[in-house]
């Protein structure tokens, strides 16, 4: 995950993580990877996923993004990447109705986790997803 510069962040996201099929194979079926951190006093205002390169070699790729180890689905929940036809935003359990008000507010820093579920991920031969987050940080003013 990279934190964007001020010029890049002006486009709506503060953090972007790009994962190729090889990256997802490294994470593995049922595996999790920390891709960002919500700072103390912060929250996530926007979470989106874009399939920038179509996946090949698998038809069962599902991802979750959130803060709860074991079931990280607060921001993106059970997204079937293979079925995506357009970018997907704010589908997690903490978002209701796809609103864009901050969720996941925390008084201590919290890891944002990507979880991969795909029994055939080792067979993937192509594919890439881009995960964008807009993280607000009121703690920076404390």
N, C-alpha and C. Protein backbone atom coordinates (compact mmCIF):
# COMPACT_ATOMS: atom_id res chain seq x y z
N UNK A 1 0.88 -1.16 0.00
CA UNK A 1 0.00 0.00 0.00
C UNK A 1 0.91 1.21 0.00
N UNK A 2 0.57 2.16 -0.82
CA UNK A 2 1.34 3.39 -0.82
C UNK A 2 0.43 4.55 -0.46
N UNK A 3 1.00 5.47 0.34
CA UNK A 3 0.28 6.69 0.66
C UNK A 3 0.54 7.66 -0.47
N UNK A 4 -0.51 8.28 -0.96
CA UNK A 4 -0.39 9.16 -2.11
C UNK A 4 0.09 10.54 -1.72
N UNK A 5 0.74 11.22 -2.66
CA UNK A 5 1.17 12.59 -2.42
C UNK A 5 -0.05 13.50 -2.39
N UNK A 6 0.14 14.74 -1.97
CA UNK A 6 -0.98 15.69 -1.93
C UNK A 6 -1.63 15.85 -3.30
N UNK A 7 -0.85 15.91 -4.35
CA UNK A 7 -1.41 16.06 -5.70
C UNK A 7 -2.23 14.85 -6.10
N UNK A 8 -1.73 13.64 -5.80
CA UNK A 8 -2.46 12.43 -6.13
C UNK A 8 -3.71 12.27 -5.27
N UNK A 9 -3.59 12.62 -3.99
CA UNK A 9 -4.72 12.46 -3.05
C UNK A 9 -5.88 13.37 -3.44
N UNK A 10 -5.62 14.43 -4.15
CA UNK A 10 -6.67 15.32 -4.60
C UNK A 10 -7.66 14.64 -5.53
N UNK A 11 -7.34 13.44 -5.98
CA UNK A 11 -8.21 12.69 -6.88
C UNK A 11 -9.18 11.79 -6.14
N UNK A 12 -9.23 11.88 -4.81
CA UNK A 12 -10.24 11.15 -4.07
C UNK A 12 -9.75 10.04 -3.17
N UNK A 13 -8.52 9.58 -3.32
CA UNK A 13 -8.00 8.51 -2.49
C UNK A 13 -6.73 8.98 -1.78
N UNK A 14 -6.49 8.44 -0.60
CA UNK A 14 -5.25 8.74 0.11
C UNK A 14 -4.27 7.58 0.06
N UNK A 15 -4.78 6.34 -0.15
CA UNK A 15 -3.95 5.15 -0.18
C UNK A 15 -4.43 4.22 -1.31
N UNK A 16 -3.47 3.63 -2.01
CA UNK A 16 -3.79 2.70 -3.09
C UNK A 16 -2.88 1.49 -2.98
N UNK A 17 -3.48 0.31 -3.11
CA UNK A 17 -2.73 -0.95 -3.12
C UNK A 17 -3.08 -1.69 -4.40
N UNK A 18 -2.07 -2.07 -5.17
CA UNK A 18 -2.26 -2.82 -6.40
C UNK A 18 -1.74 -4.24 -6.18
N UNK A 19 -2.56 -5.23 -6.50
CA UNK A 19 -2.18 -6.63 -6.32
C UNK A 19 -2.35 -7.38 -7.63
N UNK A 20 -1.26 -7.99 -8.09
CA UNK A 20 -1.31 -8.86 -9.27
C UNK A 20 -1.73 -10.26 -8.82
N UNK A 21 -2.01 -11.10 -9.79
CA UNK A 21 -2.36 -12.48 -9.46
C UNK A 21 -1.23 -13.16 -8.68
N UNK A 22 0.04 -12.79 -9.00
CA UNK A 22 1.16 -13.37 -8.25
C UNK A 22 1.14 -12.93 -6.79
N UNK A 23 0.79 -11.66 -6.55
CA UNK A 23 0.68 -11.18 -5.17
C UNK A 23 -0.40 -11.95 -4.41
N UNK A 24 -1.53 -12.18 -5.07
CA UNK A 24 -2.62 -12.91 -4.43
C UNK A 24 -2.25 -14.37 -4.21
N UNK A 25 -1.47 -14.95 -5.12
CA UNK A 25 -0.98 -16.32 -4.91
C UNK A 25 -0.07 -16.38 -3.69
N UNK A 26 0.74 -15.35 -3.48
CA UNK A 26 1.61 -15.30 -2.31
C UNK A 26 0.79 -15.21 -1.02
N UNK A 27 -0.28 -14.44 -1.05
CA UNK A 27 -1.17 -14.34 0.12
C UNK A 27 -1.83 -15.69 0.36
N UNK A 28 -2.29 -16.34 -0.71
CA UNK A 28 -2.85 -17.69 -0.63
C UNK A 28 -4.32 -17.74 -0.26
N UNK A 29 -4.93 -18.88 -0.53
CA UNK A 29 -6.34 -19.10 -0.23
C UNK A 29 -6.57 -19.01 1.28
N UNK A 30 -7.44 -18.11 1.70
CA UNK A 30 -7.72 -17.90 3.12
C UNK A 30 -6.69 -17.04 3.81
N UNK A 31 -5.69 -16.57 3.07
CA UNK A 31 -4.64 -15.75 3.65
C UNK A 31 -5.04 -14.29 3.77
N UNK A 32 -4.31 -13.59 4.62
CA UNK A 32 -4.57 -12.17 4.87
C UNK A 32 -3.27 -11.38 4.82
N UNK A 33 -3.38 -10.12 4.41
CA UNK A 33 -2.23 -9.23 4.32
C UNK A 33 -2.66 -7.84 4.77
N UNK A 34 -1.88 -7.22 5.65
CA UNK A 34 -2.14 -5.83 6.04
C UNK A 34 -1.71 -4.94 4.89
N UNK A 35 -2.64 -4.10 4.40
CA UNK A 35 -2.34 -3.24 3.25
C UNK A 35 -2.29 -1.76 3.60
N UNK A 36 -2.77 -1.40 4.80
CA UNK A 36 -2.73 0.00 5.24
C UNK A 36 -3.04 0.04 6.73
N UNK A 37 -2.95 1.23 7.29
CA UNK A 37 -3.25 1.42 8.71
C UNK A 37 -4.12 2.66 8.88
N UNK A 38 -5.17 2.51 9.67
CA UNK A 38 -5.96 3.68 10.07
C UNK A 38 -5.24 4.26 11.28
N UNK A 39 -4.85 5.52 11.24
CA UNK A 39 -4.15 6.09 12.39
C UNK A 39 -5.11 6.34 13.55
N UNK A 40 -4.57 6.45 14.75
CA UNK A 40 -5.40 6.79 15.91
C UNK A 40 -6.13 8.10 15.61
N UNK A 41 -7.43 8.12 15.85
CA UNK A 41 -8.23 9.29 15.53
C UNK A 41 -8.71 9.32 14.10
N UNK A 42 -8.51 8.24 13.37
CA UNK A 42 -8.86 8.20 11.95
C UNK A 42 -10.03 7.29 11.65
N UNK A 43 -10.38 7.24 10.36
CA UNK A 43 -11.47 6.40 9.88
C UNK A 43 -11.31 6.25 8.36
N UNK A 44 -12.07 5.32 7.79
CA UNK A 44 -12.10 5.13 6.34
C UNK A 44 -13.38 5.74 5.81
N UNK A 45 -13.24 6.60 4.83
CA UNK A 45 -14.38 7.29 4.24
C UNK A 45 -14.83 6.64 2.94
N UNK A 46 -13.91 6.00 2.23
CA UNK A 46 -14.20 5.43 0.92
C UNK A 46 -13.30 4.23 0.70
N UNK A 47 -13.87 3.15 0.19
CA UNK A 47 -13.10 1.96 -0.18
C UNK A 47 -13.61 1.48 -1.53
N UNK A 48 -12.70 1.27 -2.46
CA UNK A 48 -13.10 0.82 -3.79
C UNK A 48 -12.15 -0.22 -4.34
N UNK A 49 -12.66 -1.06 -5.24
CA UNK A 49 -11.85 -2.09 -5.90
C UNK A 49 -12.12 -2.01 -7.40
N UNK A 50 -11.04 -2.06 -8.18
CA UNK A 50 -11.12 -2.02 -9.63
C UNK A 50 -10.30 -3.19 -10.18
N UNK A 51 -10.89 -4.01 -11.03
CA UNK A 51 -10.15 -5.09 -11.69
C UNK A 51 -9.51 -4.49 -12.93
N UNK A 52 -8.23 -4.14 -12.81
CA UNK A 52 -7.54 -3.45 -13.90
C UNK A 52 -7.04 -4.41 -14.98
N UNK A 53 -6.82 -5.66 -14.63
CA UNK A 53 -6.49 -6.71 -15.60
C UNK A 53 -7.37 -7.91 -15.25
N UNK A 54 -8.11 -8.42 -16.23
CA UNK A 54 -9.02 -9.54 -15.98
C UNK A 54 -8.25 -10.77 -15.50
N UNK A 55 -8.85 -11.47 -14.55
CA UNK A 55 -8.23 -12.69 -14.02
C UNK A 55 -8.46 -13.84 -14.98
N UNK A 56 -7.44 -14.67 -15.13
CA UNK A 56 -7.50 -15.86 -15.95
C UNK A 56 -6.97 -17.03 -15.13
N UNK A 57 -7.52 -18.20 -15.35
CA UNK A 57 -7.07 -19.39 -14.66
C UNK A 57 -7.83 -19.68 -13.37
N UNK A 58 -8.74 -18.79 -13.01
CA UNK A 58 -9.58 -19.00 -11.84
C UNK A 58 -10.91 -18.30 -12.06
N UNK A 59 -11.96 -18.83 -11.47
CA UNK A 59 -13.28 -18.21 -11.58
C UNK A 59 -13.93 -18.07 -10.21
N UNK A 60 -13.13 -18.15 -9.17
CA UNK A 60 -13.72 -18.14 -7.83
C UNK A 60 -13.03 -17.16 -6.88
N UNK A 61 -12.44 -16.09 -7.40
CA UNK A 61 -11.71 -15.14 -6.56
C UNK A 61 -12.67 -14.22 -5.81
N UNK A 62 -12.60 -14.28 -4.49
CA UNK A 62 -13.40 -13.43 -3.61
C UNK A 62 -12.43 -12.72 -2.66
N UNK A 63 -12.64 -11.41 -2.47
CA UNK A 63 -11.79 -10.68 -1.53
C UNK A 63 -12.66 -9.94 -0.51
N UNK A 64 -12.05 -9.70 0.65
CA UNK A 64 -12.63 -8.88 1.71
C UNK A 64 -11.58 -7.87 2.13
N UNK A 65 -12.04 -6.68 2.57
CA UNK A 65 -11.14 -5.66 3.08
C UNK A 65 -11.77 -5.08 4.33
N UNK A 66 -11.02 -5.08 5.42
CA UNK A 66 -11.54 -4.54 6.67
C UNK A 66 -10.49 -4.56 7.76
N UNK A 67 -10.95 -4.44 8.99
CA UNK A 67 -10.02 -4.34 10.12
C UNK A 67 -10.08 -5.52 11.09
N UNK A 68 -11.04 -6.40 10.97
CA UNK A 68 -11.19 -7.50 11.92
C UNK A 68 -10.42 -8.71 11.43
N UNK A 69 -9.32 -9.05 12.10
CA UNK A 69 -8.56 -10.25 11.75
C UNK A 69 -9.50 -11.45 11.84
N UNK A 70 -9.45 -12.32 10.86
CA UNK A 70 -10.34 -13.48 10.84
C UNK A 70 -11.56 -13.25 9.98
N UNK A 71 -12.05 -12.03 9.91
CA UNK A 71 -13.21 -11.69 9.08
C UNK A 71 -13.17 -10.20 8.73
N UNK A 72 -12.20 -9.80 7.92
CA UNK A 72 -12.04 -8.38 7.60
C UNK A 72 -12.99 -7.92 6.50
N UNK A 73 -14.22 -7.58 6.86
CA UNK A 73 -15.20 -7.23 5.82
C UNK A 73 -15.92 -5.91 6.09
N UNK A 74 -15.32 -5.04 6.87
CA UNK A 74 -15.98 -3.77 7.18
C UNK A 74 -16.10 -2.84 5.96
N UNK A 75 -15.13 -2.88 5.05
CA UNK A 75 -15.09 -1.93 3.93
C UNK A 75 -15.50 -2.55 2.59
N UNK A 76 -15.04 -3.76 2.32
CA UNK A 76 -15.43 -4.52 1.13
C UNK A 76 -15.75 -5.93 1.63
N UNK A 77 -16.96 -6.43 1.31
CA UNK A 77 -17.40 -7.71 1.84
C UNK A 77 -17.71 -8.70 0.72
N UNK A 78 -17.01 -9.84 0.74
CA UNK A 78 -17.28 -10.96 -0.16
C UNK A 78 -17.41 -10.52 -1.63
N UNK A 79 -16.44 -9.75 -2.10
CA UNK A 79 -16.48 -9.25 -3.48
C UNK A 79 -16.01 -10.35 -4.44
N UNK A 80 -16.89 -10.79 -5.31
CA UNK A 80 -16.58 -11.77 -6.35
C UNK A 80 -15.89 -11.03 -7.49
N UNK A 81 -14.57 -11.05 -7.48
CA UNK A 81 -13.79 -10.27 -8.46
C UNK A 81 -14.07 -10.75 -9.88
N UNK A 82 -14.21 -12.04 -10.06
CA UNK A 82 -14.45 -12.58 -11.41
C UNK A 82 -15.76 -12.09 -12.01
N UNK A 83 -16.73 -11.75 -11.18
CA UNK A 83 -18.03 -11.29 -11.68
C UNK A 83 -18.10 -9.77 -11.84
N UNK A 84 -17.05 -9.05 -11.46
CA UNK A 84 -17.08 -7.58 -11.57
C UNK A 84 -17.17 -7.14 -13.02
N UNK A 85 -18.03 -6.16 -13.28
CA UNK A 85 -18.09 -5.54 -14.60
C UNK A 85 -17.77 -4.06 -14.52
N UNK A 86 -17.64 -3.55 -13.29
CA UNK A 86 -17.32 -2.15 -13.04
C UNK A 86 -16.69 -2.06 -11.66
N UNK A 87 -16.01 -0.97 -11.34
CA UNK A 87 -15.46 -0.82 -10.00
C UNK A 87 -16.56 -0.92 -8.94
N UNK A 88 -16.18 -1.39 -7.75
CA UNK A 88 -17.12 -1.59 -6.65
C UNK A 88 -16.66 -0.76 -5.46
N UNK A 89 -17.62 -0.09 -4.79
CA UNK A 89 -17.29 0.80 -3.68
C UNK A 89 -18.15 0.51 -2.46
N UNK A 90 -17.54 0.61 -1.27
CA UNK A 90 -18.25 0.66 0.02
C UNK A 90 -19.29 -0.44 0.20
N UNK A 91 -18.92 -1.70 -0.06
CA UNK A 91 -19.87 -2.80 0.09
C UNK A 91 -19.73 -3.52 1.43
N UNK A 92 -18.85 -3.06 2.28
CA UNK A 92 -18.57 -3.74 3.54
C UNK A 92 -19.67 -3.61 4.57
N UNK A 93 -19.55 -4.44 5.61
CA UNK A 93 -20.54 -4.47 6.69
C UNK A 93 -20.66 -3.14 7.43
N UNK A 94 -19.59 -2.37 7.49
CA UNK A 94 -19.65 -1.10 8.23
C UNK A 94 -20.32 0.01 7.41
N UNK A 95 -20.33 -0.16 6.09
CA UNK A 95 -21.03 0.79 5.24
C UNK A 95 -22.46 0.30 5.06
N UNK A 96 -23.42 1.20 5.16
CA UNK A 96 -24.81 0.82 4.91
C UNK A 96 -25.31 1.65 3.74
N UNK A 97 -25.81 0.99 2.74
CA UNK A 97 -26.33 1.70 1.58
C UNK A 97 -25.26 2.39 0.76
N UNK A 98 -23.99 1.97 0.90
CA UNK A 98 -22.92 2.56 0.11
C UNK A 98 -22.63 4.00 0.44
N UNK A 99 -23.05 4.46 1.62
CA UNK A 99 -22.83 5.87 1.97
C UNK A 99 -21.34 6.18 2.02
N UNK A 100 -21.02 7.44 1.98
CA UNK A 100 -19.61 7.80 2.09
C UNK A 100 -19.39 8.68 3.31
N UNK A 101 -19.84 8.21 4.45
CA UNK A 101 -19.46 8.86 5.69
C UNK A 101 -18.41 7.98 6.34
N UNK A 102 -17.48 8.54 7.08
CA UNK A 102 -16.39 7.73 7.64
C UNK A 102 -16.91 6.60 8.53
N UNK A 103 -16.27 5.44 8.39
CA UNK A 103 -16.58 4.28 9.23
C UNK A 103 -15.28 3.71 9.76
N UNK A 104 -15.40 2.87 10.76
CA UNK A 104 -14.21 2.24 11.32
C UNK A 104 -13.37 3.19 12.13
N UNK A 105 -13.99 4.25 12.68
CA UNK A 105 -13.25 5.19 13.50
C UNK A 105 -12.57 4.48 14.66
N UNK A 106 -11.37 4.93 14.99
CA UNK A 106 -10.61 4.24 16.02
C UNK A 106 -9.81 5.21 16.87
N UNK A 107 -9.70 4.91 18.15
CA UNK A 107 -8.89 5.74 19.04
C UNK A 107 -7.45 5.26 19.08
N UNK A 108 -7.19 4.07 18.55
CA UNK A 108 -5.83 3.55 18.39
C UNK A 108 -5.65 3.11 16.95
N UNK A 109 -4.43 3.04 16.50
CA UNK A 109 -4.18 2.63 15.11
C UNK A 109 -4.76 1.24 14.85
N UNK A 110 -5.29 1.03 13.65
CA UNK A 110 -5.89 -0.25 13.28
C UNK A 110 -5.42 -0.66 11.89
N UNK A 111 -5.03 -1.91 11.75
CA UNK A 111 -4.59 -2.44 10.46
C UNK A 111 -5.79 -2.64 9.54
N UNK A 112 -5.60 -2.34 8.25
CA UNK A 112 -6.59 -2.65 7.22
C UNK A 112 -6.06 -3.89 6.50
N UNK A 113 -6.90 -4.92 6.46
CA UNK A 113 -6.49 -6.24 6.01
C UNK A 113 -7.21 -6.62 4.71
N UNK A 114 -6.45 -7.18 3.78
CA UNK A 114 -7.00 -7.80 2.57
C UNK A 114 -7.01 -9.30 2.80
N UNK A 115 -8.18 -9.93 2.57
CA UNK A 115 -8.29 -11.39 2.67
C UNK A 115 -8.63 -11.95 1.31
N UNK A 116 -7.95 -13.03 0.94
CA UNK A 116 -8.15 -13.70 -0.34
C UNK A 116 -8.81 -15.05 -0.09
N UNK A 117 -9.90 -15.31 -0.82
CA UNK A 117 -10.55 -16.62 -0.76
C UNK A 117 -10.69 -17.12 -2.19
N UNK A 118 -9.93 -18.16 -2.51
CA UNK A 118 -9.97 -18.74 -3.85
C UNK A 118 -9.19 -20.05 -3.83
N UNK A 119 -9.90 -21.17 -3.84
CA UNK A 119 -9.24 -22.47 -3.80
C UNK A 119 -8.36 -22.70 -5.03
N UNK A 120 -8.62 -21.95 -6.11
CA UNK A 120 -7.85 -22.13 -7.35
C UNK A 120 -6.88 -20.99 -7.60
N UNK A 121 -6.55 -20.19 -6.59
CA UNK A 121 -5.68 -19.02 -6.82
C UNK A 121 -4.32 -19.45 -7.38
N UNK A 122 -3.82 -20.60 -7.01
CA UNK A 122 -2.53 -21.07 -7.52
C UNK A 122 -2.56 -21.31 -9.03
N UNK A 123 -3.74 -21.47 -9.60
CA UNK A 123 -3.88 -21.72 -11.04
C UNK A 123 -4.02 -20.43 -11.85
N UNK A 124 -4.12 -19.29 -11.19
CA UNK A 124 -4.28 -18.01 -11.91
C UNK A 124 -3.05 -17.75 -12.79
N UNK A 125 -3.30 -17.23 -13.98
CA UNK A 125 -2.22 -16.92 -14.92
C UNK A 125 -2.20 -15.44 -15.31
N UNK A 126 -3.20 -14.70 -14.88
CA UNK A 126 -3.26 -13.26 -15.18
C UNK A 126 -4.24 -12.63 -14.21
N UNK A 127 -4.13 -11.32 -14.07
CA UNK A 127 -5.09 -10.58 -13.26
C UNK A 127 -4.43 -9.55 -12.36
N UNK A 128 -5.18 -8.49 -12.10
CA UNK A 128 -4.69 -7.43 -11.21
C UNK A 128 -5.88 -6.65 -10.68
N UNK A 129 -5.83 -6.33 -9.38
CA UNK A 129 -6.83 -5.48 -8.78
C UNK A 129 -6.15 -4.26 -8.17
N UNK A 130 -6.89 -3.16 -8.15
CA UNK A 130 -6.45 -1.94 -7.50
C UNK A 130 -7.45 -1.64 -6.39
N UNK A 131 -6.95 -1.50 -5.17
CA UNK A 131 -7.79 -1.17 -4.02
C UNK A 131 -7.45 0.25 -3.60
N UNK A 132 -8.46 1.10 -3.61
CA UNK A 132 -8.27 2.49 -3.20
C UNK A 132 -9.00 2.77 -1.90
N UNK A 133 -8.35 3.54 -1.02
CA UNK A 133 -8.94 3.92 0.26
C UNK A 133 -8.79 5.42 0.47
N UNK A 134 -9.81 6.02 1.05
CA UNK A 134 -9.68 7.40 1.51
C UNK A 134 -9.75 7.34 3.03
N UNK A 135 -8.60 7.56 3.65
CA UNK A 135 -8.48 7.49 5.11
C UNK A 135 -8.40 8.92 5.64
N UNK A 136 -9.32 9.25 6.55
CA UNK A 136 -9.29 10.57 7.19
C UNK A 136 -8.56 10.43 8.52
N UNK A 137 -7.87 11.50 8.94
CA UNK A 137 -7.01 11.44 10.11
C UNK A 137 -7.16 12.69 10.97
N UNK A 138 -8.17 12.69 11.83
CA UNK A 138 -8.33 13.82 12.73
C UNK A 138 -7.25 13.85 13.79
N UNK A 139 -6.64 12.70 14.07
CA UNK A 139 -5.57 12.64 15.05
C UNK A 139 -4.37 13.51 14.71
N UNK A 140 -4.20 13.82 13.44
CA UNK A 140 -3.06 14.65 13.05
C UNK A 140 -3.16 16.07 13.60
N UNK A 141 -4.35 16.46 14.04
CA UNK A 141 -4.54 17.81 14.54
C UNK A 141 -4.49 17.86 16.08
N UNK A 142 -4.32 16.71 16.71
CA UNK A 142 -4.31 16.66 18.18
C UNK A 142 -2.99 17.17 18.71
